[in-house]
Protein backbone atom coordinates (compact mmCIF):
# COMPACT_ATOMS: atom_id res chain seq x y z
CA MET A 1 0.00 0.00 0.00
CA THR A 2 1.52 3.31 -1.07
CA GLN A 3 1.59 6.26 1.25
CA THR A 4 -0.41 9.33 0.34
CA PRO A 5 1.31 12.73 0.04
CA ASN A 6 -0.39 13.82 3.24
CA GLN A 7 1.06 10.85 5.13
CA GLU A 8 4.53 11.53 3.73
CA SER A 9 4.38 15.21 4.65
CA ASN A 10 3.13 14.25 8.13
CA ILE A 11 6.07 11.88 8.63
CA LEU A 12 8.48 14.52 7.32
CA GLY A 13 6.97 17.12 9.65
CA LYS A 14 7.35 14.84 12.66
CA PHE A 15 10.94 14.01 11.66
CA THR A 16 11.73 17.72 11.36
CA SER A 17 10.19 18.36 14.77
CA VAL A 18 12.26 15.57 16.32
CA LEU A 19 15.43 16.97 14.76
CA GLY A 20 14.59 20.42 16.11
CA LEU A 21 14.01 19.10 19.62
CA LEU A 22 17.17 17.00 19.43
CA GLY A 23 19.21 20.00 18.32
CA ALA A 24 17.82 22.12 21.15
CA ALA A 25 18.60 19.36 23.68
CA LEU A 26 22.16 18.96 22.38
CA PHE A 27 22.77 22.71 22.47
CA PHE A 28 21.40 22.86 26.02
CA ALA A 29 23.67 19.99 27.08
CA GLY A 30 26.68 21.59 25.41
CA TRP A 31 26.03 24.96 27.04
CA ILE A 32 25.62 23.42 30.53
CA TYR A 33 28.81 21.39 30.03
CA ARG A 34 30.79 24.43 28.94
CA TRP A 35 29.30 26.56 31.72
CA SER A 36 30.19 24.07 34.47
CA TYR A 37 33.59 23.34 32.90
CA PHE A 38 34.76 26.95 32.76
CA TYR A 39 33.00 27.90 35.99
CA PHE A 40 35.32 25.37 37.66
CA PHE A 41 38.13 27.72 36.63
CA GLN A 42 36.12 30.80 37.67
CA LEU A 43 35.63 31.87 34.04
CA GLU A 44 32.31 33.00 32.58
CA VAL A 45 31.50 31.12 29.38
CA ASN A 46 29.66 34.14 27.90
CA THR A 47 32.88 36.17 27.90
CA LEU A 48 34.92 33.59 25.94
CA ASP A 49 33.21 34.06 22.55
CA LEU A 50 33.07 30.35 21.78
CA PRO A 51 31.56 29.33 18.41
CA ALA A 52 27.91 28.29 18.71
CA GLN A 53 28.39 25.13 16.64
CA SER A 54 30.90 23.80 19.17
CA PHE A 55 28.09 23.46 21.72
CA LEU A 56 26.49 20.82 19.47
CA ILE A 57 29.65 18.68 19.35
CA VAL A 58 30.42 18.65 23.08
CA PRO A 59 27.39 16.44 24.01
CA LEU A 60 29.01 13.49 22.23
CA GLN A 61 31.58 13.51 25.02
CA ILE A 62 28.90 13.97 27.68
CA PHE A 63 26.84 10.94 26.65
CA PHE A 64 29.27 8.68 24.76
CA GLY A 65 32.76 9.59 26.06
CA ASP A 66 33.60 6.08 27.30
CA ILE A 67 31.96 2.88 28.49
CA TRP A 68 31.27 4.24 31.98
CA THR A 69 29.78 7.42 30.51
CA ILE A 70 27.48 5.41 28.23
CA CYS A 71 26.35 3.25 31.17
CA LYS A 72 25.81 6.33 33.32
CA THR A 73 23.73 7.95 30.57
CA ALA A 74 21.61 4.82 30.15
CA ILE A 75 21.02 4.52 33.91
CA ALA A 76 20.14 8.22 34.19
CA PHE A 77 17.54 8.10 31.41
CA PHE A 78 16.12 4.84 32.75
CA MET A 79 15.66 6.49 36.15
CA ALA A 80 14.15 9.50 34.39
CA ALA A 81 11.61 7.24 32.66
CA ILE A 82 10.61 5.82 36.05
CA ALA A 83 10.39 9.33 37.51
CA ILE A 84 8.22 10.47 34.58
CA GLN A 85 5.82 7.55 35.05
CA ALA A 86 5.62 8.15 38.80
CA THR A 87 5.03 11.88 38.32
CA LEU A 88 2.34 11.33 35.68
CA TRP A 89 0.63 8.75 37.92
CA LEU A 90 0.68 11.17 40.85
CA ILE A 91 -0.70 14.00 38.69
CA LYS A 92 -3.46 11.68 37.42
CA ILE A 93 -4.48 10.74 40.97
CA ILE A 94 -4.49 14.38 42.08
CA SER A 95 -6.37 15.60 38.98
CA GLU A 96 -9.02 12.88 39.30
CA THR A 97 -9.51 13.75 42.96
CA VAL A 98 -9.83 17.45 42.14
CA VAL A 99 -12.25 16.77 39.25
CA SER A 100 -14.40 14.47 41.39
CA ALA A 101 -14.55 17.01 44.21
CA SER A 102 -15.37 19.78 41.74
CA GLN A 103 -18.14 17.76 40.11
CA LEU A 104 -19.64 16.93 43.51
CA LEU A 105 -19.57 20.59 44.50
CA LEU A 106 -21.12 21.71 41.20
CA ASN A 107 -23.86 19.09 41.48
CA ARG A 108 -24.74 20.32 44.94
CA ILE A 109 -24.85 23.92 43.74
CA ILE A 110 -27.17 23.02 40.85
CA SER A 111 -29.42 20.94 43.11
CA ALA A 112 -29.61 23.70 45.70
CA THR A 113 -30.52 26.35 43.12
CA GLN A 114 -32.80 24.23 40.92
CA HIS A 115 -36.13 25.64 42.19
CA LYS A 116 -34.96 29.07 43.32
CA ARG A 117 -35.78 32.18 41.27
CA SER A 118 -33.53 34.77 42.92
CA TRP A 119 -30.76 36.53 40.98
CA THR A 120 -28.06 35.00 43.20
CA ALA A 121 -29.39 31.49 42.65
CA LYS A 122 -29.44 32.01 38.88
CA GLN A 123 -25.84 33.26 38.91
CA LEU A 124 -24.69 30.30 41.02
CA LYS A 125 -26.42 27.88 38.66
CA SER A 126 -24.83 29.61 35.65
CA LEU A 127 -21.43 29.37 37.33
CA ALA A 128 -21.94 25.67 38.04
CA GLU A 129 -22.97 24.93 34.45
CA PHE A 130 -19.97 26.91 33.21
CA GLY A 131 -17.79 24.85 35.53
CA PHE A 132 -19.12 21.63 34.01
CA GLY A 133 -18.15 22.96 30.59
CA GLN A 134 -14.67 23.80 31.77
CA LEU A 135 -14.18 20.31 33.18
CA ARG A 136 -14.45 18.98 29.63
CA SER A 137 -11.09 20.63 28.87
CA VAL A 138 -9.33 18.57 31.56
CA ASP A 139 -8.14 16.03 28.99
CA PHE A 140 -6.46 18.76 26.95
CA LEU A 141 -4.81 20.24 30.04
CA ARG A 142 -3.70 16.80 31.16
CA SER A 143 -2.00 16.22 27.80
CA LEU A 144 -0.23 19.57 28.10
CA VAL A 145 0.87 18.80 31.66
CA ASN A 146 2.15 15.39 30.57
CA GLU A 147 4.34 16.98 27.91
CA ILE A 148 5.65 19.55 30.40
CA VAL A 149 6.52 16.76 32.87
CA ILE A 150 8.37 14.73 30.24
CA VAL A 151 10.35 17.72 28.95
CA SER A 152 11.15 18.85 32.49
CA TRP A 153 12.55 15.49 33.59
CA VAL A 154 14.58 15.13 30.39
CA LEU A 155 16.08 18.60 30.88
CA ILE A 156 16.87 17.82 34.52
CA VAL A 157 18.73 14.64 33.51
CA ILE A 158 20.62 16.41 30.73
CA PHE A 159 21.53 19.27 33.10
CA TRP A 160 23.04 17.02 35.76
CA LEU A 161 24.81 14.72 33.29
CA ALA A 162 26.39 17.72 31.54
CA ARG A 163 27.29 19.41 34.82
CA TRP A 164 28.87 16.31 36.37
CA GLN A 165 30.85 15.60 33.21
CA GLY A 166 32.00 19.21 32.95
CA VAL A 167 33.29 19.29 36.54
CA ALA A 168 34.90 15.86 36.15
CA ASP A 169 36.71 16.83 32.94
CA ALA A 170 37.88 20.12 34.42
CA GLY A 171 39.18 18.53 37.62
CA GLN A 172 41.41 15.53 38.06
CA ASN A 173 40.32 13.97 34.76
CA SER A 174 41.74 16.85 32.72
CA THR A 175 43.33 15.77 29.45
CA LEU A 176 44.36 19.28 28.41
CA PRO A 177 47.93 19.55 27.15
CA VAL A 178 50.91 20.23 29.37
CA VAL A 179 52.30 23.58 28.30
CA ALA A 180 55.58 25.47 28.12
CA LEU A 181 55.05 29.21 27.47
CA ILE A 182 58.08 31.27 26.49
CA THR A 183 57.51 35.01 26.16
CA PRO A 184 59.50 38.27 26.36
CA GLU A 185 59.98 39.48 29.93
CA GLU A 186 59.31 43.22 29.45
CA LYS A 187 55.62 42.90 30.32
CA PHE A 188 55.70 39.63 32.20
CA ALA A 189 56.01 39.88 35.97
CA VAL A 190 56.18 36.16 36.68
CA GLY A 191 57.93 33.18 35.20
CA ARG A 192 61.39 31.63 35.29
CA LYS A 193 64.41 33.02 33.45
CA LEU A 194 65.52 30.57 30.81
CA ASP A 195 69.20 31.26 31.51
CA ASP A 196 68.74 31.15 35.31
CA ILE A 197 65.61 29.29 36.38
CA PHE A 198 66.43 29.56 40.09
CA THR A 199 66.40 33.37 40.22
CA ASN A 200 63.16 35.31 40.49
CA PRO A 201 62.76 38.10 37.91
CA SER A 202 62.84 41.67 39.17
CA LEU A 203 59.49 43.22 40.11
CA LYS A 204 60.70 46.80 39.75
CA GLY A 205 58.07 48.98 38.11
CA TYR A 206 55.14 46.65 38.84
CA ARG A 207 52.14 47.43 41.07
CA ILE A 208 49.48 45.24 42.64
CA ILE A 209 45.87 45.62 43.77
CA GLY A 210 44.16 42.77 45.55
CA ASP A 211 45.35 39.61 47.25
CA LEU A 212 49.14 39.63 47.47
CA GLY A 213 49.03 36.05 48.75
CA LEU A 214 47.83 34.83 45.33
CA PHE A 215 50.93 36.29 43.73
CA ASP A 216 53.23 34.93 46.45
CA ASP A 217 51.71 31.48 45.99
CA LEU A 218 52.51 31.65 42.28
CA ARG A 219 55.99 33.18 42.46
CA GLY A 220 58.65 30.52 42.52
CA ARG A 221 56.21 27.82 41.39
CA GLU A 222 55.80 28.76 37.74
CA ASP A 223 57.57 25.66 36.45
CA THR A 224 56.15 22.16 36.12
CA ASP A 225 57.70 19.87 38.73
CA ILE A 226 56.85 16.21 39.28
CA ILE A 227 60.19 15.20 40.84
CA THR A 228 60.56 17.27 44.01
CA ASN A 229 57.30 16.04 45.51
CA PRO A 230 55.75 13.19 43.46
CA LYS A 231 52.68 13.06 45.75
CA GLN A 232 51.96 16.74 45.10
CA PRO A 233 53.13 17.25 41.50
CA ARG A 234 52.98 20.72 40.00
CA VAL A 235 51.79 20.60 36.40
CA TRP A 236 50.77 23.61 34.30
CA ARG A 237 48.28 22.95 31.51
CA LEU A 238 46.90 25.07 28.69
CA LEU A 239 43.23 25.85 29.30
CA LEU A 240 42.35 28.15 26.42
CA GLU A 241 43.62 30.64 23.85
CA ARG A 242 40.89 33.17 23.15
CA GLY A 243 40.51 36.87 22.42
CA GLY A 244 44.21 37.69 22.70
CA TRP A 245 44.57 35.93 26.06
CA ILE A 246 46.26 32.70 27.05
CA TYR A 247 44.77 30.88 30.04
CA LEU A 248 47.01 28.51 31.98
CA PHE A 249 46.08 26.59 35.11
CA ARG A 250 47.96 24.59 37.70
CA ALA A 251 46.39 21.13 37.63
CA LEU A 252 45.07 19.67 40.85
CA PRO A 253 47.04 16.83 42.50
CA PRO A 254 45.55 13.32 42.56
CA ASN A 255 44.56 13.65 46.23
CA ALA A 256 42.88 17.05 45.85
CA LYS A 257 39.75 17.78 47.87
CA PRO A 258 36.41 17.84 45.98
CA ASN A 259 35.94 21.58 46.66
CA GLU A 260 39.49 22.56 45.67
CA ILE A 261 39.80 25.01 42.76
CA PRO A 262 42.93 25.22 40.57
CA SER A 263 44.94 28.39 40.08
CA VAL A 264 44.35 30.05 36.70
CA LEU A 265 46.77 32.47 35.09
CA ALA A 266 45.55 34.77 32.29
CA ILE A 267 48.36 36.15 30.11
CA GLN A 268 47.84 38.76 27.43
CA GLN A 269 49.51 37.80 24.19
CA SER A 270 52.64 39.84 23.54
CA ASP A 271 53.17 41.97 20.43
CA LYS A 272 56.73 40.62 20.26
CA GLY A 273 55.48 37.09 19.96
CA HIS A 274 55.67 34.07 22.18
CA ILE A 275 56.29 30.36 21.99
CA ILE A 276 53.84 27.74 23.23
CA ILE A 277 54.95 24.11 23.43
CA ARG A 278 52.17 21.61 23.99
CA SER A 279 52.50 18.02 25.05
CA PRO A 280 50.07 15.33 26.20
CA GLU A 281 52.47 14.31 28.99
CA VAL A 282 54.99 15.93 31.28
CA SER A 283 58.59 15.74 30.01
CA LYS A 284 61.02 13.43 31.76
CA THR A 285 63.76 16.09 31.82
CA SER A 286 65.09 16.82 35.32
CA TYR A 287 67.03 19.87 36.52
CA PRO A 288 69.89 19.88 39.05
């Protein structure tokens, strides 16, 4: 049996609607992932001018990054399906109770005003009859509520999956490259001298506003070091290059606390140029 043009257009319309909803869900997941990821580094995602299409690619990592991620996604949506059914059942019970009570009340109003001729009685009867008419729209409202419940639970699951994955990827699971940044020293107050890594550069001509302790915690620890204290390695990674700024962060150690936040260093790109060396792993070179 061949399909009629109306059936084909109906199928195409539904397919287009599904694609639209899927695209919106993926964009939402990507935005939540990016928001939680960069918020971990105390950066606002809206200020980074990231391309919109990148938010549609990120969800692949959120839902299908590895075997554990796939299992976690499946478990989360299975639990969401149970939560949707339980919520819809509860709403049905409540709505039926409310409708039954309303019908009983309206019946009593009509019975009480059936033989009365006063203006008030007529108005109450009219209100009761109007109420009966409104109860006929309960099925439509129930369908609307069901859709709202389903969409709400799906968004809640996507939100938490994206947020958890964003925090996990930003923290101890970071796979961002280890970095070596070499730049002219005229406008760079921190960093090690290449010809004398043990001597701090001069701070003459520099000023500071804010927490001096943040600067003191950075000074003297600008280099990556996994040898001096293997249990508390110091590894600098490249977070982002965007808008003329280079963002570096000191990765958290393996035994970091859940609420610990890494140090982030924002460096404005120099007009004289700079060198960035990236590597997936820390070099094995040791210094005397």
